[in-house]
PDB file of N, CA and C in Angstrom:
ATOM      1  N   MET A   1     121.177 -24.081-172.937  1.00  0.00           N
ATOM      2  CA  MET A   1     122.352 -24.636-171.955  1.00  0.00           C
ATOM      3  C   MET A   1     123.271 -23.105-171.951  1.00  0.00           C
ATOM      4  N   PHE A   2     122.954 -22.957-170.274  1.00  0.00           N
ATOM      5  CA  PHE A   2     123.699 -21.901-169.989  1.00  0.00           C
ATOM      6  C   PHE A   2     125.184 -21.858-169.689  1.00  0.00           C
ATOM      7  N   THR A   3     126.004 -21.180-169.998  1.00  0.00           N
ATOM      8  CA  THR A   3     127.185 -21.034-170.185  1.00  0.00           C
ATOM      9  C   THR A   3     127.852 -20.599-168.641  1.00  0.00           C
ATOM     10  N   GLU A   4     128.578 -21.503-167.925  1.00  0.00           N
ATOM     11  CA  GLU A   4     128.790 -21.129-166.483  1.00  0.00           C
ATOM     12  C   GLU A   4     130.434 -19.972-166.406  1.00  0.00           C
ATOM     13  N   PRO A   5     130.047 -18.935-165.667  1.00  0.00           N
ATOM     14  CA  PRO A   5     131.229 -18.053-165.940  1.00  0.00           C
ATOM     15  C   PRO A   5     132.406 -18.616-165.094  1.00  0.00           C
ATOM     16  N   LYS A   6     133.647 -18.098-166.082  1.00  0.00           N
ATOM     17  CA  LYS A   6     134.988 -18.783-165.394  1.00  0.00           C
ATOM     18  C   LYS A   6     135.598 -17.736-164.661  1.00  0.00           C
ATOM     19  N   SER A   7     135.171 -16.488-164.410  1.00  0.00           N
ATOM     20  CA  SER A   7     135.862 -15.611-163.461  1.00  0.00           C
ATOM     21  C   SER A   7     134.797 -15.012-163.003  1.00  0.00           C
ATOM     22  N   MET A   8     135.015 -14.083-161.821  1.00  0.00           N
ATOM     23  CA  MET A   8     134.118 -13.316-161.226  1.00  0.00           C
ATOM     24  C   MET A   8     133.689 -11.614-161.546  1.00  0.00           C
ATOM     25  N   GLU A   9     135.045 -11.682-162.512  1.00  0.00           N
ATOM     26  CA  GLU A   9     135.217 -10.309-163.196  1.00  0.00           C
ATOM     27  C   GLU A   9     134.103 -10.025-163.975  1.00  0.00           C
ATOM     28  N   HIS A  10     133.797 -10.783-164.390  1.00  0.00           N
ATOM     29  CA  HIS A  10     132.141 -10.344-165.325  1.00  0.00           C
ATOM     30  C   HIS A  10     131.039 -10.554-164.428  1.00  0.00           C
ATOM     31  N   LEU A  11     130.990 -10.840-163.479  1.00  0.00           N
ATOM     32  CA  LEU A  11     129.638 -10.912-162.756  1.00  0.00           C
ATOM     33  C   LEU A  11     129.345 -10.011-161.570  1.00  0.00           C
ATOM     34  N   VAL A  12     127.997  -9.394-161.571  1.00  0.00           N
ATOM     35  CA  VAL A  12     127.401  -8.660-160.305  1.00  0.00           C
ATOM     36  C   VAL A  12     127.272  -9.443-158.848  1.00  0.00           C
ATOM     37  N   TYR A  13     126.716 -11.041-159.303  1.00  0.00           N
ATOM     38  CA  TYR A  13     126.436 -11.559-158.490  1.00  0.00           C
ATOM     39  C   TYR A  13     126.395 -13.229-158.684  1.00  0.00           C
ATOM     40  N   PHE A  14     127.358 -13.864-157.590  1.00  0.00           N
ATOM     41  CA  PHE A  14     126.975 -15.546-158.203  1.00  0.00           C
ATOM     42  C   PHE A  14     126.967 -16.013-156.339  1.00  0.00           C
ATOM     43  N   THR A  15     126.313 -17.352-156.869  1.00  0.00           N
ATOM     44  CA  THR A  15     125.957 -17.971-155.486  1.00  0.00           C
ATOM     45  C   THR A  15     126.088 -19.650-155.401  1.00  0.00           C
ATOM     46  N   ASN A  16     126.541 -20.420-154.616  1.00  0.00           N
ATOM     47  CA  ASN A  16     126.825 -21.917-155.208  1.00  0.00           C
ATOM     48  C   ASN A  16     126.193 -22.293-153.805  1.00  0.00           C
ATOM     49  N   ARG A  17     124.961 -22.932-153.767  1.00  0.00           N
ATOM     50  CA  ARG A  17     124.491 -23.545-152.429  1.00  0.00           C
ATOM     51  C   ARG A  17     124.010 -24.785-152.156  1.00  0.00           C
ATOM     52  N   ALA A  18     124.248 -25.188-151.541  1.00  0.00           N
ATOM     53  CA  ALA A  18     123.217 -26.886-150.865  1.00  0.00           C
ATOM     54  C   ALA A  18     121.969 -26.423-150.562  1.00  0.00           C
ATOM     55  N   VAL A  19     120.972 -27.000-151.326  1.00  0.00           N
ATOM     56  CA  VAL A  19     119.483 -26.860-150.262  1.00  0.00           C
ATOM     57  C   VAL A  19     119.045 -28.255-150.074  1.00  0.00           C
ATOM     58  N   GLY A  20     119.031 -28.685-148.847  1.00  0.00           N
ATOM     59  CA  GLY A  20     118.565 -30.154-148.598  1.00  0.00           C
ATOM     60  C   GLY A  20     119.494 -31.195-149.451  1.00  0.00           C
ATOM     61  N   ASN A  21     119.115 -31.938-150.193  1.00  0.00           N
ATOM     62  CA  ASN A  21     119.670 -32.907-150.371  1.00  0.00           C
ATOM     63  C   ASN A  21     119.887 -31.882-152.539  1.00  0.00           C
ATOM     64  N   GLY A  22     119.886 -30.817-152.438  1.00  0.00           N
ATOM     65  CA  GLY A  22     119.574 -30.461-153.864  1.00  0.00           C
ATOM     66  C   GLY A  22     120.892 -29.277-154.233  1.00  0.00           C
ATOM     67  N   LYS A  23     120.861 -28.440-155.003  1.00  0.00           N
ATOM     68  CA  LYS A  23     121.648 -27.509-154.811  1.00  0.00           C
ATOM     69  C   LYS A  23     121.052 -26.275-155.734  1.00  0.00           C
ATOM     70  N   VAL A  24     121.560 -25.358-155.428  1.00  0.00           N
ATOM     71  CA  VAL A  24     121.334 -24.189-156.971  1.00  0.00           C
ATOM     72  C   VAL A  24     122.870 -23.481-157.376  1.00  0.00           C
ATOM     73  N   LYS A  25     122.643 -23.134-158.178  1.00  0.00           N
ATOM     74  CA  LYS A  25     124.026 -22.101-158.673  1.00  0.00           C
ATOM     75  C   LYS A  25     123.459 -21.378-159.310  1.00  0.00           C
ATOM     76  N   ALA A  26     123.668 -19.823-158.776  1.00  0.00           N
ATOM     77  CA  ALA A  26     123.213 -18.618-159.595  1.00  0.00           C
ATOM     78  C   ALA A  26     124.168 -17.638-159.988  1.00  0.00           C
ATOM     79  N   TRP A  27     124.060 -17.015-161.392  1.00  0.00           N
ATOM     80  CA  TRP A  27     124.883 -15.685-161.483  1.00  0.00           C
ATOM     81  C   TRP A  27     124.161 -14.980-162.224  1.00  0.00           C
ATOM     82  N   VAL A  28     124.685 -13.828-162.181  1.00  0.00           N
ATOM     83  CA  VAL A  28     124.324 -12.159-162.903  1.00  0.00           C
ATOM     84  C   VAL A  28     125.705 -11.819-163.369  1.00  0.00           C
ATOM     85  N   TYR A  29     125.441 -11.665-164.841  1.00  0.00           N
ATOM     86  CA  TYR A  29     126.536 -10.879-165.531  1.00  0.00           C
ATOM     87  C   TYR A  29     126.372  -9.690-165.602  1.00  0.00           C
ATOM     88  N   ARG A  30     127.500  -9.100-165.613  1.00  0.00           N
ATOM     89  CA  ARG A  30     127.185  -7.203-165.857  1.00  0.00           C
ATOM     90  C   ARG A  30     127.224  -7.108-167.243  1.00  0.00           C
ATOM     91  N   LYS A  31     126.043  -6.096-167.423  1.00  0.00           N
ATOM     92  CA  LYS A  31     125.687  -5.445-168.618  1.00  0.00           C
ATOM     93  C   LYS A  31     126.263  -4.207-169.210  1.00  0.00           C
ATOM     94  N   ASP A  32     126.468  -4.216-170.718  1.00  0.00           N
ATOM     95  CA  ASP A  32     127.119  -3.293-171.329  1.00  0.00           C
ATOM     96  C   ASP A  32     126.326  -2.271-170.948  1.00  0.00           C
ATOM     97  N   CYS A  33     127.051  -1.056-171.186  1.00  0.00           N
ATOM     98  CA  CYS A  33     126.986   0.197-171.027  1.00  0.00           C
ATOM     99  C   CYS A  33     125.693   0.719-172.300  1.00  0.00           C
ATOM    100  N   PRO A  34     124.907   1.357-171.306  1.00  0.00           N
ATOM    101  CA  PRO A  34     123.551   1.544-172.467  1.00  0.00           C
ATOM    102  C   PRO A  34     124.091   2.704-173.055  1.00  0.00           C
ATOM    103  N   LYS A  35     125.137   3.440-173.010  1.00  0.00           N
ATOM    104  CA  LYS A  35     125.273   4.957-173.704  1.00  0.00           C
ATOM    105  C   LYS A  35     126.263   4.456-174.818  1.00  0.00           C
ATOM    106  N   CYS A  36     127.491   3.745-174.496  1.00  0.00           N
ATOM    107  CA  CYS A  36     128.568   4.028-175.517  1.00  0.00           C
ATOM    108  C   CYS A  36     128.739   2.254-176.015  1.00  0.00           C
ATOM    109  N   HIS A  37     127.864   1.277-175.103  1.00  0.00           N
ATOM    110  CA  HIS A  37     128.693   0.163-175.611  1.00  0.00           C
ATOM    111  C   HIS A  37     129.484  -0.838-175.755  1.00  0.00           C
ATOM    112  N   LYS A  38     130.867  -0.116-175.228  1.00  0.00           N
ATOM    113  CA  LYS A  38     131.859  -0.381-175.313  1.00  0.00           C
ATOM    114  C   LYS A  38     132.162  -1.051-173.990  1.00  0.00           C
ATOM    115  N   ALA A  39     131.490  -1.082-172.741  1.00  0.00           N
ATOM    116  CA  ALA A  39     132.471  -1.602-171.518  1.00  0.00           C
ATOM    117  C   ALA A  39     131.178  -2.193-170.796  1.00  0.00           C
ATOM    118  N   LYS A  40     131.465  -2.977-169.732  1.00  0.00           N
ATOM    119  CA  LYS A  40     130.410  -3.514-168.931  1.00  0.00           C
ATOM    120  C   LYS A  40     130.350  -2.439-167.604  1.00  0.00           C
ATOM    121  N   MET A  41     129.279  -2.186-167.177  1.00  0.00           N
ATOM    122  CA  MET A  41     129.076  -1.150-166.614  1.00  0.00           C
ATOM    123  C   MET A  41     129.655  -1.857-164.834  1.00  0.00           C
ATOM    124  N   GLY A  42     129.923  -1.172-164.058  1.00  0.00           N
ATOM    125  CA  GLY A  42     130.068  -2.034-162.339  1.00  0.00           C
ATOM    126  C   GLY A  42     130.309  -0.989-161.649  1.00  0.00           C
ATOM    127  N   LYS A  43     130.781  -1.214-160.109  1.00  0.00           N
ATOM    128  CA  LYS A  43     130.785   0.050-159.057  1.00  0.00           C
ATOM    129  C   LYS A  43     131.844   1.022-159.487  1.00  0.00           C
ATOM    130  N   PRO A  44     131.805   2.173-158.921  1.00  0.00           N
ATOM    131  CA  PRO A  44     133.237   2.950-159.599  1.00  0.00           C
ATOM    132  C   PRO A  44     134.494   2.573-158.562  1.00  0.00           C
ATOM    133  N   ILE A  45     135.393   3.006-158.958  1.00  0.00           N
ATOM    134  CA  ILE A  45     136.987   2.843-158.872  1.00  0.00           C
ATOM    135  C   ILE A  45     137.425   3.631-158.367  1.00  0.00           C
ATOM    136  N   GLU A  46     137.746   3.847-156.880  1.00  0.00           N
ATOM    137  CA  GLU A  46     138.738   4.830-156.147  1.00  0.00           C
ATOM    138  C   GLU A  46     139.846   4.433-155.438  1.00  0.00           C
ATOM    139  N   LYS A  47     140.989   4.988-156.093  1.00  0.00           N
ATOM    140  CA  LYS A  47     142.433   4.869-155.160  1.00  0.00           C
ATOM    141  C   LYS A  47     142.677   3.500-155.528  1.00  0.00           C
ATOM    142  N   GLY A  48     142.038   2.745-156.937  1.00  0.00           N
ATOM    143  CA  GLY A  48     142.500   1.277-156.962  1.00  0.00           C
ATOM    144  C   GLY A  48     141.138   0.742-156.360  1.00  0.00           C
ATOM    145  N   LYS A  49     140.205   0.917-155.627  1.00  0.00           N
ATOM    146  CA  LYS A  49     139.665  -0.323-154.632  1.00  0.00           C
ATOM    147  C   LYS A  49     137.796  -0.154-155.354  1.00  0.00           C
ATOM    148  N   VAL A  50     137.305  -1.143-155.657  1.00  0.00           N
ATOM    149  CA  VAL A  50     136.148  -1.138-155.728  1.00  0.00           C
ATOM    150  C   VAL A  50     135.337  -0.332-154.647  1.00  0.00           C
ATOM    151  N   LYS A  51     134.121   0.627-154.541  1.00  0.00           N
ATOM    152  CA  LYS A  51     133.745   1.097-154.044  1.00  0.00           C
ATOM    153  C   LYS A  51     132.185   0.019-154.029  1.00  0.00           C
ATOM    154  N   THR A  52     132.121  -0.973-153.089  1.00  0.00           N
ATOM    155  CA  THR A  52     131.055  -1.877-152.886  1.00  0.00           C
ATOM    156  C   THR A  52     129.892  -1.510-152.502  1.00  0.00           C
ATOM    157  N   LYS A  53     129.326  -0.497-151.866  1.00  0.00           N
ATOM    158  CA  LYS A  53     128.556   0.109-151.574  1.00  0.00           C
ATOM    159  C   LYS A  53     127.959   1.282-152.029  1.00  0.00           C
ATOM    160  N   ALA A  54     128.333   1.787-153.051  1.00  0.00           N
ATOM    161  CA  ALA A  54     128.301   2.800-153.860  1.00  0.00           C
ATOM    162  C   ALA A  54     126.858   2.921-154.284  1.00  0.00           C
ATOM    163  N   PRO A  55     126.220   3.769-154.292  1.00  0.00           N
ATOM    164  CA  PRO A  55     124.887   3.838-154.935  1.00  0.00           C
ATOM    165  C   PRO A  55     124.643   4.037-156.311  1.00  0.00           C
ATOM    166  N   GLU A  56     125.347   3.900-156.711  1.00  0.00           N
ATOM    167  CA  GLU A  56     124.901   3.939-158.307  1.00  0.00           C
ATOM    168  C   GLU A  56     126.193   2.766-159.128  1.00  0.00           C
ATOM    169  N   TYR A  57     125.970   2.698-160.167  1.00  0.00           N
ATOM    170  CA  TYR A  57     127.215   1.995-161.506  1.00  0.00           C
ATOM    171  C   TYR A  57     127.612   2.705-162.487  1.00  0.00           C
ATOM    172  N   VAL A  58     128.807   2.767-162.876  1.00  0.00           N
ATOM    173  CA  VAL A  58     129.395   3.234-163.740  1.00  0.00           C
ATOM    174  C   VAL A  58     130.380   2.775-164.794  1.00  0.00           C
ATOM    175  N   CYS A  59     130.362   3.412-166.174  1.00  0.00           N
ATOM    176  CA  CYS A  59     130.986   2.754-167.183  1.00  0.00           C
ATOM    177  C   CYS A  59     132.292   3.106-167.058  1.00  0.00           C
ATOM    178  N   PRO A  60     133.369   2.593-167.246  1.00  0.00           N
ATOM    179  CA  PRO A  60     134.649   2.810-167.201  1.00  0.00           C
ATOM    180  C   PRO A  60     135.028   3.439-168.152  1.00  0.00           C
ATOM    181  N   GLU A  61     134.438   3.115-169.033  1.00  0.00           N
ATOM    182  CA  GLU A  61     134.778   3.758-170.922  1.00  0.00           C
ATOM    183  C   GLU A  61     134.140   5.079-171.064  1.00  0.00           C
ATOM    184  N   CYS A  62     133.384   5.456-170.587  1.00  0.00           N
ATOM    185  CA  CYS A  62     132.695   6.938-171.024  1.00  0.00           C
ATOM    186  C   CYS A  62     132.277   7.683-169.697  1.00  0.00           C
ATOM    187  N   GLY A  63     132.093   6.872-168.556  1.00  0.00           N
ATOM    188  CA  GLY A  63     131.792   7.678-167.417  1.00  0.00           C
ATOM    189  C   GLY A  63     130.310   7.891-166.991  1.00  0.00           C
ATOM    190  N   TYR A  64     129.450   7.027-168.040  1.00  0.00           N
ATOM    191  CA  TYR A  64     128.248   7.459-168.066  1.00  0.00           C
ATOM    192  C   TYR A  64     127.280   6.651-166.426  1.00  0.00           C
ATOM    193  N   LYS A  65     126.823   7.186-165.641  1.00  0.00           N
ATOM    194  CA  LYS A  65     126.119   6.847-164.105  1.00  0.00           C
ATOM    195  C   LYS A  65     125.062   6.273-164.408  1.00  0.00           C
ATOM    196  N   GLU A  66     124.480   5.094-163.588  1.00  0.00           N
ATOM    197  CA  GLU A  66     123.478   4.855-163.675  1.00  0.00           C
ATOM    198  C   GLU A  66     123.196   4.219-161.937  1.00  0.00           C
ATOM    199  N   GLY A  67     121.695   4.670-161.530  1.00  0.00           N
ATOM    200  CA  GLY A  67     121.391   4.278-159.962  1.00  0.00           C
ATOM    201  C   GLY A  67     121.395   2.709-159.993  1.00  0.00           C
ATOM    202  N   LYS A  68     121.777   2.420-158.803  1.00  0.00           N
ATOM    203  CA  LYS A  68     121.841   1.322-158.483  1.00  0.00           C
ATOM    204  C   LYS A  68     120.630   0.269-158.484  1.00  0.00           C
ATOM    205  N   LYS A  69     119.334   1.229-158.161  1.00  0.00           N
ATOM    206  CA  LYS A  69     117.931   0.569-158.444  1.00  0.00           C
ATOM    207  C   LYS A  69     117.640   0.345-159.472  1.00  0.00           C
ATOM    208  N   GLU A  70     117.470   1.517-160.233  1.00  0.00           N
ATOM    209  CA  GLU A  70     117.367   1.206-162.149  1.00  0.00           C
ATOM    210  C   GLU A  70     118.277   0.475-162.644  1.00  0.00           C
ATOM    211  N   HIS A  71     119.759   0.163-162.535  1.00  0.00           N
ATOM    212  CA  HIS A  71     120.187  -0.627-162.977  1.00  0.00           C
ATOM    213  C   HIS A  71     120.287  -2.451-162.757  1.00  0.00           C
ATOM    214  N   GLU A  72     120.107  -2.483-161.110  1.00  0.00           N
ATOM    215  CA  GLU A  72     119.460  -3.999-160.996  1.00  0.00           C
ATOM    216  C   GLU A  72     118.291  -4.174-161.478  1.00  0.00           C
ATOM    217  N   ASP A  73     117.354  -3.484-161.658  1.00  0.00           N
ATOM    218  CA  ASP A  73     115.710  -3.852-162.563  1.00  0.00           C
ATOM    219  C   ASP A  73     116.032  -4.673-163.178  1.00  0.00           C
ATOM    220  N   THR A  74     117.053  -4.085-164.350  1.00  0.00           N
ATOM    221  CA  THR A  74     117.290  -4.684-165.679  1.00  0.00           C
ATOM    222  C   THR A  74     118.280  -5.848-165.864  1.00  0.00           C
ATOM    223  N   LEU A  75     118.693  -6.583-164.578  1.00  0.00           N
ATOM    224  CA  LEU A  75     119.557  -7.412-164.655  1.00  0.00           C
ATOM    225  C   LEU A  75     118.777  -8.686-164.847  1.00  0.00           C
ATOM    226  N   THR A  76     119.275  -9.850-165.086  1.00  0.00           N
ATOM    227  CA  THR A  76     118.594 -11.168-165.206  1.00  0.00           C
ATOM    228  C   THR A  76     119.533 -12.041-164.524  1.00  0.00           C
ATOM    229  N   VAL A  77     119.120 -13.071-163.687  1.00  0.00           N
ATOM    230  CA  VAL A  77     119.715 -13.989-163.074  1.00  0.00           C
ATOM    231  C   VAL A  77     119.740 -15.542-163.708  1.00  0.00           C
ATOM    232  N   GLU A  78     121.034 -15.827-163.737  1.00  0.00           N
ATOM    233  CA  GLU A  78     120.619 -17.691-164.717  1.00  0.00           C
ATOM    234  C   GLU A  78     120.986 -18.235-163.653  1.00  0.00           C
ATOM    235  N   ILE A  79     119.989 -19.602-163.439  1.00  0.00           N
ATOM    236  CA  ILE A  79     119.905 -20.589-162.260  1.00  0.00           C
ATOM    237  C   ILE A  79     120.159 -22.240-162.952  1.00  0.00           C
ATOM    238  N   LYS A  80     121.246 -22.681-162.522  1.00  0.00           N
ATOM    239  CA  LYS A  80     121.133 -24.186-162.822  1.00  0.00           C
ATOM    240  C   LYS A  80     120.605 -24.616-160.670  1.00  0.00           C
ATOM    241  N   TYR A  81     119.909 -25.885-161.308  1.00  0.00           N
ATOM    242  CA  TYR A  81     119.464 -26.269-159.861  1.00  0.00           C
ATOM    243  C   TYR A  81     119.042 -27.951-159.925  1.00  0.00           C
ATOM    244  N   ALA A  82     119.213 -28.509-158.858  1.00  0.00           N
ATOM    245  CA  ALA A  82     118.930 -30.144-158.774  1.00  0.00           C
ATOM    246  C   ALA A  82     117.545 -29.972-157.580  1.00  0.00           C
ATOM    247  N   CYS A  83     116.486 -30.281-157.842  1.00  0.00           N
ATOM    248  CA  CYS A  83     115.595 -30.349-156.703  1.00  0.00           C
ATOM    249  C   CYS A  83     115.652 -31.210-155.838  1.00  0.00           C
ATOM    250  N   PRO A  84     115.472 -30.908-154.407  1.00  0.00           N
ATOM    251  CA  PRO A  84     115.843 -31.623-153.119  1.00  0.00           C
ATOM    252  C   PRO A  84     115.185 -32.382-153.281  1.00  0.00           C
ATOM    253  N   TYR A  85     113.851 -32.341-153.614  1.00  0.00           N
ATOM    254  CA  TYR A  85     112.227 -33.519-153.258  1.00  0.00           C
ATOM    255  C   TYR A  85     112.506 -34.506-154.615  1.00  0.00           C
ATOM    256  N   CYS A  86     112.467 -34.540-155.688  1.00  0.00           N
ATOM    257  CA  CYS A  86     112.306 -35.190-156.885  1.00  0.00           C
ATOM    258  C   CYS A  86     114.037 -35.789-157.377  1.00  0.00           C
ATOM    259  N   GLY A  87     114.407 -34.407-157.240  1.00  0.00           N
ATOM    260  CA  GLY A  87     116.017 -35.062-157.891  1.00  0.00           C
ATOM    261  C   GLY A  87     116.292 -34.706-159.225  1.00  0.00           C
ATOM    262  N   ASN A  88     115.232 -34.057-159.949  1.00  0.00           N
ATOM    263  CA  ASN A  88     114.908 -33.453-161.130  1.00  0.00           C
ATOM    264  C   ASN A  88     116.559 -32.030-161.511  1.00  0.00           C
ATOM    265  N   SER A  89     116.901 -32.135-162.542  1.00  0.00           N
ATOM    266  CA  SER A  89     118.190 -31.058-162.549  1.00  0.00           C
ATOM    267  C   SER A  89     117.355 -30.079-163.703  1.00  0.00           C
ATOM    268  N   GLY A  90     117.664 -28.827-163.756  1.00  0.00           N
ATOM    269  CA  GLY A  90     117.430 -27.963-165.168  1.00  0.00           C
ATOM    270  C   GLY A  90     117.784 -26.426-164.840  1.00  0.00           C
ATOM    271  N   GLU A  91     117.544 -25.701-165.435  1.00  0.00           N
ATOM    272  CA  GLU A  91     118.267 -24.153-165.673  1.00  0.00           C
ATOM    273  C   GLU A  91     116.746 -23.227-165.810  1.00  0.00           C
ATOM    274  N   ALA A  92     116.792 -22.374-165.407  1.00  0.00           N
ATOM    275  CA  ALA A  92     116.141 -21.030-165.563  1.00  0.00           C
ATOM    276  C   ALA A  92     116.777 -19.958-165.111  1.00  0.00           C
ATOM    277  N   THR A  93     116.061 -18.536-165.832  1.00  0.00           N
ATOM    278  CA  THR A  93     116.312 -17.365-166.144  1.00  0.00           C
ATOM    279  C   THR A  93     114.911 -17.061-165.390  1.00  0.00           C
ATOM    280  N   THR A  94     115.513 -15.964-164.513  1.00  0.00           N
ATOM    281  CA  THR A  94     114.294 -14.984-164.135  1.00  0.00           C
ATOM    282  C   THR A  94     115.156 -13.324-163.662  1.00  0.00           C
ATOM    283  N   GLU A  95     113.808 -12.559-163.350  1.00  0.00           N
ATOM    284  CA  GLU A  95     114.168 -11.482-163.448  1.00  0.00           C
ATOM    285  C   GLU A  95     115.475 -10.997-162.074  1.00  0.00           C
ATOM    286  N   TYR A  96     116.720 -10.563-161.708  1.00  0.00           N
ATOM    287  CA  TYR A  96     117.300 -10.353-160.576  1.00  0.00           C
ATOM    288  C   TYR A  96     116.629  -9.540-159.252  1.00  0.00           C
ATOM    289  N   LYS A  97     116.220  -9.819-158.270  1.00  0.00           N
ATOM    290  CA  LYS A  97     115.606  -9.205-157.340  1.00  0.00           C
ATOM    291  C   LYS A  97     116.861  -9.746-156.171  1.00  0.00           C
ATOM    292  N   ARG A  98     116.951  -9.038-155.303  1.00  0.00           N
ATOM    293  CA  ARG A  98     117.927  -8.906-154.159  1.00  0.00           C
ATOM    294  C   ARG A  98     116.758  -9.373-152.953  1.00  0.00           C
ATOM    295  N   LYS A  99     117.386 -10.614-152.217  1.00  0.00           N
ATOM    296  CA  LYS A  99     116.214 -10.593-151.089  1.00  0.00           C
ATOM    297  C   LYS A  99     116.957 -11.396-149.853  1.00  0.00           C
ATOM    298  N   SER A 100     116.726 -11.318-149.190  1.00  0.00           N
ATOM    299  CA  SER A 100     117.432 -12.288-147.726  1.00  0.00           C
ATOM    300  C   SER A 100     116.671 -14.002-148.146  1.00  0.00           C
ATOM    301  N   PHE A 101     117.864 -14.283-147.603  1.00  0.00           N
ATOM    302  CA  PHE A 101     117.394 -16.097-147.975  1.00  0.00           C
ATOM    303  C   PHE A 101     118.229 -16.920-146.707  1.00  0.00           C
ATOM    304  N   GLU A 102     117.279 -17.541-145.880  1.00  0.00           N
ATOM    305  CA  GLU A 102     117.651 -18.148-144.607  1.00  0.00           C
ATOM    306  C   GLU A 102     118.343 -16.927-143.357  1.00  0.00           C
ATOM    307  N   GLY A 103     118.038 -15.748-143.594  1.00  0.00           N
ATOM    308  CA  GLY A 103     118.422 -14.619-142.969  1.00  0.00           C
ATOM    309  C   GLY A 103     119.617 -14.165-143.234  1.00  0.00           C
ATOM    310  N   VAL A 104     120.189 -14.676-143.969  1.00  0.00           N
ATOM    311  CA  VAL A 104     121.643 -13.916-145.055  1.00  0.00           C
ATOM    312  C   VAL A 104     120.930 -13.141-145.978  1.00  0.00           C
ATOM    313  N   ARG A 105     121.452 -11.895-146.151  1.00  0.00           N
ATOM    314  CA  ARG A 105     120.926 -10.635-147.117  1.00  0.00           C
ATOM    315  C   ARG A 105     121.915 -10.777-148.516  1.00  0.00           C
ATOM    316  N   ASP A 106     121.574 -11.212-149.669  1.00  0.00           N
ATOM    317  CA  ASP A 106     122.484 -11.320-150.807  1.00  0.00           C
ATOM    318  C   ASP A 106     122.686 -10.072-151.321  1.00  0.00           C
TER     319      ASP A 106
END
């Protein structure tokens, strides 16, 4: 049983979509720093604002940097869904890959 996130603060990605008569809720938790294991990796913060289009993730504790591609390749997405065809619902987890859905880039 997945625990749904209480806040966006701990997430890299979140979506809640309706697909026909079904629905999908998916999220990706931020991962611990591989160097110090004391903090969660995130986008760099400059002048009090997060650089959303930064090409890297940074540990706020020790300053360790990791490229965006190699960091996102290690993340997993947790999904809760209800099938639009049969009505079955369930949970799944898979590797996190960014791609477009119905013309919208995630």
